[in-house]
Amino acid sequence: PRPDDAVFANHEVRVIASAALSLEAAAALS
């Protein structure tokens, strides 16, 4: 199904963790 299909109308997507945040944490420790 395509992203504009009506079955996805009430859905939500959140990225809650990523490489960027983890690298920034390592950089702060350094």
PDB file of all heavy atoms in Angstrom:
ATOM      1  N   PRO A   1       0.834  -1.207   0.000  1.00  0.00           N
ATOM      2  CA  PRO A   1       0.000   0.000   0.000  1.00  0.00           C
ATOM      3  C   PRO A   1       0.865   1.253   0.000  1.00  0.00           C
ATOM      4  O   PRO A   1       1.971   1.265   0.556  1.00  0.00           O
ATOM      5  CB  PRO A   1      -0.802  -0.126   1.300  1.00  0.00           C
ATOM      6  CG  PRO A   1       0.005  -1.039   2.172  1.00  0.00           C
ATOM      7  CD  PRO A   1       0.688  -1.988   1.242  1.00  0.00           C
ATOM      8  N   ARG A   2       0.379   2.306  -0.626  1.00  0.00           N
ATOM      9  CA  ARG A   2       1.122   3.559  -0.713  1.00  0.00           C
ATOM     10  C   ARG A   2       0.929   4.383   0.566  1.00  0.00           C
ATOM     11  O   ARG A   2      -0.049   4.207   1.304  1.00  0.00           O
ATOM     12  CB  ARG A   2       0.645   4.365  -1.923  1.00  0.00           C
ATOM     13  CG  ARG A   2       0.750   3.617  -3.235  1.00  0.00           C
ATOM     14  CD  ARG A   2       2.185   3.430  -3.674  1.00  0.00           C
ATOM     15  NE  ARG A   2       2.796   4.691  -4.072  1.00  0.00           N
ATOM     16  CZ  ARG A   2       4.092   4.842  -4.358  1.00  0.00           C
ATOM     17  NH1 ARG A   2       4.906   3.794  -4.271  1.00  0.00           N
ATOM     18  NH2 ARG A   2       4.571   6.005  -4.722  1.00  0.00           N
ATOM     19  N   PRO A   3       1.839   5.305   0.855  1.00  0.00           N
ATOM     20  CA  PRO A   3       1.717   6.115   2.076  1.00  0.00           C
ATOM     21  C   PRO A   3       0.423   6.924   2.166  1.00  0.00           C
ATOM     22  O   PRO A   3      -0.027   7.241   3.272  1.00  0.00           O
ATOM     23  CB  PRO A   3       2.936   7.036   1.998  1.00  0.00           C
ATOM     24  CG  PRO A   3       3.932   6.285   1.178  1.00  0.00           C
ATOM     25  CD  PRO A   3       3.122   5.545   0.159  1.00  0.00           C
ATOM     26  N   ASP A   4      -0.179   7.268   1.020  1.00  0.00           N
ATOM     27  CA  ASP A   4      -1.411   8.051   1.060  1.00  0.00           C
ATOM     28  C   ASP A   4      -2.665   7.187   1.158  1.00  0.00           C
ATOM     29  O   ASP A   4      -3.788   7.697   1.093  1.00  0.00           O
ATOM     30  CB  ASP A   4      -1.511   8.970  -0.161  1.00  0.00           C
ATOM     31  CG  ASP A   4      -1.438   8.210  -1.489  1.00  0.00           C
ATOM     32  OD1 ASP A   4      -1.311   6.970  -1.461  1.00  0.00           O
ATOM     33  OD2 ASP A   4      -1.497   8.872  -2.548  1.00  0.00           O
ATOM     34  N   ASP A   5      -2.503   5.888   1.349  1.00  0.00           N
ATOM     35  CA  ASP A   5      -3.650   5.008   1.524  1.00  0.00           C
ATOM     36  C   ASP A   5      -4.401   5.398   2.797  1.00  0.00           C
ATOM     37  O   ASP A   5      -3.802   5.716   3.824  1.00  0.00           O
ATOM     38  CB  ASP A   5      -3.169   3.553   1.618  1.00  0.00           C
ATOM     39  CG  ASP A   5      -4.304   2.552   1.477  1.00  0.00           C
ATOM     40  OD1 ASP A   5      -5.223   2.578   2.312  1.00  0.00           O
ATOM     41  OD2 ASP A   5      -4.262   1.739   0.535  1.00  0.00           O
ATOM     42  N   ALA A   6      -5.727   5.338   2.751  1.00  0.00           N
ATOM     43  CA  ALA A   6      -6.565   5.759   3.880  1.00  0.00           C
ATOM     44  C   ALA A   6      -6.302   4.952   5.147  1.00  0.00           C
ATOM     45  O   ALA A   6      -6.552   5.446   6.258  1.00  0.00           O
ATOM     46  CB  ALA A   6      -8.037   5.656   3.491  1.00  0.00           C
ATOM     47  N   VAL A   7      -5.770   3.727   5.028  1.00  0.00           N
ATOM     48  CA  VAL A   7      -5.537   2.912   6.232  1.00  0.00           C
ATOM     49  C   VAL A   7      -4.468   3.513   7.134  1.00  0.00           C
ATOM     50  O   VAL A   7      -4.394   3.181   8.322  1.00  0.00           O
ATOM     51  CB  VAL A   7      -5.147   1.463   5.873  1.00  0.00           C
ATOM     52  CG1 VAL A   7      -6.251   0.780   5.095  1.00  0.00           C
ATOM     53  CG2 VAL A   7      -3.842   1.403   5.108  1.00  0.00           C
ATOM     54  N   PHE A   8      -3.642   4.413   6.591  1.00  0.00           N
ATOM     55  CA  PHE A   8      -2.576   5.026   7.385  1.00  0.00           C
ATOM     56  C   PHE A   8      -2.940   6.416   7.905  1.00  0.00           C
ATOM     57  O   PHE A   8      -2.100   7.093   8.510  1.00  0.00           O
ATOM     58  CB  PHE A   8      -1.295   5.135   6.549  1.00  0.00           C
ATOM     59  CG  PHE A   8      -0.798   3.818   6.005  1.00  0.00           C
ATOM     60  CD1 PHE A   8      -0.668   3.623   4.640  1.00  0.00           C
ATOM     61  CD2 PHE A   8      -0.472   2.773   6.856  1.00  0.00           C
ATOM     62  CE1 PHE A   8      -0.216   2.425   4.125  1.00  0.00           C
ATOM     63  CE2 PHE A   8      -0.021   1.563   6.353  1.00  0.00           C
ATOM     64  CZ  PHE A   8       0.107   1.385   4.992  1.00  0.00           C
ATOM     65  N   ALA A   9      -4.168   6.849   7.697  1.00  0.00           N
ATOM     66  CA  ALA A   9      -4.543   8.232   8.002  1.00  0.00           C
ATOM     67  C   ALA A   9      -4.377   8.584   9.476  1.00  0.00           C
ATOM     68  O   ALA A   9      -4.053   9.721   9.820  1.00  0.00           O
ATOM     69  CB  ALA A   9      -5.981   8.485   7.555  1.00  0.00           C
ATOM     70  N   ASN A  10      -4.581   7.634  10.354  1.00  0.00           N
ATOM     71  CA  ASN A  10      -4.551   7.918  11.789  1.00  0.00           C
ATOM     72  C   ASN A  10      -3.278   7.402  12.458  1.00  0.00           C
ATOM     73  O   ASN A  10      -3.242   7.207  13.670  1.00  0.00           O
ATOM     74  CB  ASN A  10      -5.783   7.292  12.463  1.00  0.00           C
ATOM     75  CG  ASN A  10      -6.054   7.876  13.833  1.00  0.00           C
ATOM     76  OD1 ASN A  10      -5.753   9.046  14.093  1.00  0.00           O
ATOM     77  ND2 ASN A  10      -6.612   7.069  14.720  1.00  0.00           N
ATOM     78  N   HIS A  11      -2.243   7.204  11.652  1.00  0.00           N
ATOM     79  CA  HIS A  11      -1.010   6.634  12.185  1.00  0.00           C
ATOM     80  C   HIS A  11       0.014   7.725  12.501  1.00  0.00           C
ATOM     81  O   HIS A  11      -0.021   8.820  11.939  1.00  0.00           O
ATOM     82  CB  HIS A  11      -0.411   5.644  11.187  1.00  0.00           C
ATOM     83  CG  HIS A  11      -1.252   4.415  11.005  1.00  0.00           C
ATOM     84  ND1 HIS A  11      -0.792   3.288  10.376  1.00  0.00           N
ATOM     85  CD2 HIS A  11      -2.524   4.124  11.377  1.00  0.00           C
ATOM     86  CE1 HIS A  11      -1.749   2.370  10.360  1.00  0.00           C
ATOM     87  NE2 HIS A  11      -2.806   2.862  10.951  1.00  0.00           N
ATOM     88  N   GLU A  12       0.938   7.381  13.394  1.00  0.00           N
ATOM     89  CA  GLU A  12       1.995   8.317  13.784  1.00  0.00           C
ATOM     90  C   GLU A  12       3.320   7.567  13.860  1.00  0.00           C
ATOM     91  O   GLU A  12       3.362   6.411  14.302  1.00  0.00           O
ATOM     92  CB  GLU A  12       1.664   8.945  15.142  1.00  0.00           C
ATOM     93  CG  GLU A  12       2.637  10.015  15.587  1.00  0.00           C
ATOM     94  CD  GLU A  12       2.228  10.677  16.902  1.00  0.00           C
ATOM     95  OE1 GLU A  12       1.121  10.376  17.389  1.00  0.00           O
ATOM     96  OE2 GLU A  12       3.019  11.478  17.423  1.00  0.00           O
ATOM     97  N   VAL A  13       4.393   8.223  13.441  1.00  0.00           N
ATOM     98  CA  VAL A  13       5.728   7.623  13.444  1.00  0.00           C
ATOM     99  C   VAL A  13       6.693   8.575  14.143  1.00  0.00           C
ATOM    100  O   VAL A  13       6.750   9.763  13.813  1.00  0.00           O
ATOM    101  CB  VAL A  13       6.225   7.345  12.012  1.00  0.00           C
ATOM    102  CG1 VAL A  13       7.605   6.687  12.054  1.00  0.00           C
ATOM    103  CG2 VAL A  13       5.252   6.452  11.260  1.00  0.00           C
ATOM    104  N   ARG A  14       7.437   8.048  15.106  1.00  0.00           N
ATOM    105  CA  ARG A  14       8.415   8.857  15.829  1.00  0.00           C
ATOM    106  C   ARG A  14       9.753   8.118  15.874  1.00  0.00           C
ATOM    107  O   ARG A  14       9.806   6.944  16.261  1.00  0.00           O
ATOM    108  CB  ARG A  14       7.958   9.138  17.260  1.00  0.00           C
ATOM    109  CG  ARG A  14       6.580   9.773  17.384  1.00  0.00           C
ATOM    110  CD  ARG A  14       6.213   9.935  18.847  1.00  0.00           C
ATOM    111  NE  ARG A  14       4.819  10.329  19.020  1.00  0.00           N
ATOM    112  CZ  ARG A  14       4.219  10.447  20.201  1.00  0.00           C
ATOM    113  NH1 ARG A  14       4.893  10.176  21.314  1.00  0.00           N
ATOM    114  NH2 ARG A  14       2.952  10.810  20.274  1.00  0.00           N
ATOM    115  N   VAL A  15      10.828   8.793  15.509  1.00  0.00           N
ATOM    116  CA  VAL A  15      12.176   8.262  15.689  1.00  0.00           C
ATOM    117  C   VAL A  15      12.636   8.660  17.082  1.00  0.00           C
ATOM    118  O   VAL A  15      12.782   9.855  17.378  1.00  0.00           O
ATOM    119  CB  VAL A  15      13.141   8.793  14.617  1.00  0.00           C
ATOM    120  CG1 VAL A  15      14.572   8.313  14.902  1.00  0.00           C
ATOM    121  CG2 VAL A  15      12.702   8.337  13.236  1.00  0.00           C
ATOM    122  N   ILE A  16      12.849   7.688  17.971  1.00  0.00           N
ATOM    123  CA  ILE A  16      13.106   7.982  19.378  1.00  0.00           C
ATOM    124  C   ILE A  16      14.581   7.883  19.758  1.00  0.00           C
ATOM    125  O   ILE A  16      14.974   8.336  20.839  1.00  0.00           O
ATOM    126  CB  ILE A  16      12.275   7.065  20.287  1.00  0.00           C
ATOM    127  CG1 ILE A  16      12.665   5.600  20.092  1.00  0.00           C
ATOM    128  CG2 ILE A  16      10.783   7.270  20.015  1.00  0.00           C
ATOM    129  CD1 ILE A  16      12.015   4.654  21.099  1.00  0.00           C
ATOM    130  N   ALA A  17      15.399   7.302  18.894  1.00  0.00           N
ATOM    131  CA  ALA A  17      16.847   7.231  19.140  1.00  0.00           C
ATOM    132  C   ALA A  17      17.537   7.057  17.805  1.00  0.00           C
ATOM    133  O   ALA A  17      16.981   6.476  16.876  1.00  0.00           O
ATOM    134  CB  ALA A  17      17.204   6.082  20.081  1.00  0.00           C
ATOM    135  N   SER A  18      18.783   7.577  17.728  1.00  0.00           N
ATOM    136  CA  SER A  18      19.498   7.529  16.455  1.00  0.00           C
ATOM    137  C   SER A  18      20.996   7.627  16.690  1.00  0.00           C
ATOM    138  O   SER A  18      21.458   7.952  17.792  1.00  0.00           O
ATOM    139  CB  SER A  18      19.055   8.688  15.552  1.00  0.00           C
ATOM    140  OG  SER A  18      19.473   9.925  16.107  1.00  0.00           O
ATOM    141  N   ALA A  19      21.745   7.385  15.628  1.00  0.00           N
ATOM    142  CA  ALA A  19      23.206   7.457  15.706  1.00  0.00           C
ATOM    143  C   ALA A  19      23.679   8.854  16.063  1.00  0.00           C
ATOM    144  O   ALA A  19      24.678   9.023  16.774  1.00  0.00           O
ATOM    145  CB  ALA A  19      23.815   7.008  14.383  1.00  0.00           C
ATOM    146  N   ALA A  20      22.983   9.874  15.579  1.00  0.00           N
ATOM    147  CA  ALA A  20      23.407  11.253  15.842  1.00  0.00           C
ATOM    148  C   ALA A  20      23.472  11.529  17.340  1.00  0.00           C
ATOM    149  O   ALA A  20      24.454  12.089  17.852  1.00  0.00           O
ATOM    150  CB  ALA A  20      22.459  12.235  15.158  1.00  0.00           C
ATOM    151  N   LEU A  21      22.426  11.131  18.075  1.00  0.00           N
ATOM    152  CA  LEU A  21      22.390  11.369  19.517  1.00  0.00           C
ATOM    153  C   LEU A  21      23.488  10.594  20.235  1.00  0.00           C
ATOM    154  O   LEU A  21      24.116  11.097  21.175  1.00  0.00           O
ATOM    155  CB  LEU A  21      21.022  10.987  20.071  1.00  0.00           C
ATOM    156  CG  LEU A  21      19.831  11.796  19.548  1.00  0.00           C
ATOM    157  CD1 LEU A  21      18.521  11.222  20.073  1.00  0.00           C
ATOM    158  CD2 LEU A  21      19.966  13.263  19.947  1.00  0.00           C
ATOM    159  N   SER A  22      23.746   9.373  19.771  1.00  0.00           N
ATOM    160  CA  SER A  22      24.769   8.546  20.415  1.00  0.00           C
ATOM    161  C   SER A  22      26.177   9.088  20.165  1.00  0.00           C
ATOM    162  O   SER A  22      27.017   9.110  21.073  1.00  0.00           O
ATOM    163  CB  SER A  22      24.659   7.100  19.917  1.00  0.00           C
ATOM    164  OG  SER A  22      23.468   6.502  20.394  1.00  0.00           O
ATOM    165  N   LEU A  23      26.448   9.539  18.955  1.00  0.00           N
ATOM    166  CA  LEU A  23      27.758  10.126  18.666  1.00  0.00           C
ATOM    167  C   LEU A  23      27.957  11.420  19.449  1.00  0.00           C
ATOM    168  O   LEU A  23      29.068  11.706  19.925  1.00  0.00           O
ATOM    169  CB  LEU A  23      27.901  10.379  17.169  1.00  0.00           C
ATOM    170  CG  LEU A  23      28.004   9.136  16.280  1.00  0.00           C
ATOM    171  CD1 LEU A  23      28.033   9.536  14.812  1.00  0.00           C
ATOM    172  CD2 LEU A  23      29.238   8.306  16.623  1.00  0.00           C
ATOM    173  N   GLU A  24      26.907  12.217  19.579  1.00  0.00           N
ATOM    174  CA  GLU A  24      27.009  13.460  20.352  1.00  0.00           C
ATOM    175  C   GLU A  24      27.314  13.166  21.814  1.00  0.00           C
ATOM    176  O   GLU A  24      28.088  13.900  22.466  1.00  0.00           O
ATOM    177  CB  GLU A  24      25.718  14.258  20.220  1.00  0.00           C
ATOM    178  CG  GLU A  24      25.535  14.883  18.847  1.00  0.00           C
ATOM    179  CD  GLU A  24      24.111  15.350  18.588  1.00  0.00           C
ATOM    180  OE1 GLU A  24      23.285  15.296  19.532  1.00  0.00           O
ATOM    181  OE2 GLU A  24      23.818  15.749  17.447  1.00  0.00           O
ATOM    182  N   ALA A  25      26.744  12.094  22.359  1.00  0.00           N
ATOM    183  CA  ALA A  25      27.032  11.721  23.749  1.00  0.00           C
ATOM    184  C   ALA A  25      28.487  11.307  23.915  1.00  0.00           C
ATOM    185  O   ALA A  25      29.153  11.684  24.895  1.00  0.00           O
ATOM    186  CB  ALA A  25      26.100  10.592  24.184  1.00  0.00           C
ATOM    187  N   ALA A  26      29.005  10.536  22.957  1.00  0.00           N
ATOM    188  CA  ALA A  26      30.413  10.130  23.013  1.00  0.00           C
ATOM    189  C   ALA A  26      31.325  11.344  22.885  1.00  0.00           C
ATOM    190  O   ALA A  26      32.353  11.443  23.574  1.00  0.00           O
ATOM    191  CB  ALA A  26      30.704   9.116  21.908  1.00  0.00           C
ATOM    192  N   ALA A  27      30.981  12.267  22.006  1.00  0.00           N
ATOM    193  CA  ALA A  27      31.785  13.477  21.835  1.00  0.00           C
ATOM    194  C   ALA A  27      31.820  14.292  23.119  1.00  0.00           C
ATOM    195  O   ALA A  27      32.870  14.835  23.501  1.00  0.00           O
ATOM    196  CB  ALA A  27      31.228  14.312  20.683  1.00  0.00           C
ATOM    197  N   ALA A  28      30.693  14.384  23.809  1.00  0.00           N
ATOM    198  CA  ALA A  28      30.632  15.145  25.058  1.00  0.00           C
ATOM    199  C   ALA A  28      31.535  14.520  26.117  1.00  0.00           C
ATOM    200  O   ALA A  28      32.219  15.230  26.868  1.00  0.00           O
ATOM    201  CB  ALA A  28      29.195  15.214  25.550  1.00  0.00           C
ATOM    202  N   LEU A  29      31.557  13.179  26.190  1.00  0.00           N
ATOM    203  CA  LEU A  29      32.437  12.511  27.148  1.00  0.00           C
ATOM    204  C   LEU A  29      33.893  12.808  26.827  1.00  0.00           C
ATOM    205  O   LEU A  29      34.702  13.102  27.722  1.00  0.00           O
ATOM    206  CB  LEU A  29      32.190  11.003  27.124  1.00  0.00           C
ATOM    207  CG  LEU A  29      33.162  10.174  27.978  1.00  0.00           C
ATOM    208  CD1 LEU A  29      33.023  10.521  29.454  1.00  0.00           C
ATOM    209  CD2 LEU A  29      32.932   8.676  27.765  1.00  0.00           C
ATOM    210  N   SER A  30      34.254  12.740  25.558  1.00  0.00           N
ATOM    211  CA  SER A  30      35.630  13.015  25.156  1.00  0.00           C
ATOM    212  C   SER A  30      36.037  14.439  25.526  1.00  0.00           C
ATOM    213  O   SER A  30      37.137  14.667  26.061  1.00  0.00           O
ATOM    214  CB  SER A  30      35.788  12.783  23.657  1.00  0.00           C
ATOM    215  OG  SER A  30      37.143  12.929  23.259  1.00  0.00           O
TER     216      SER A  30
END
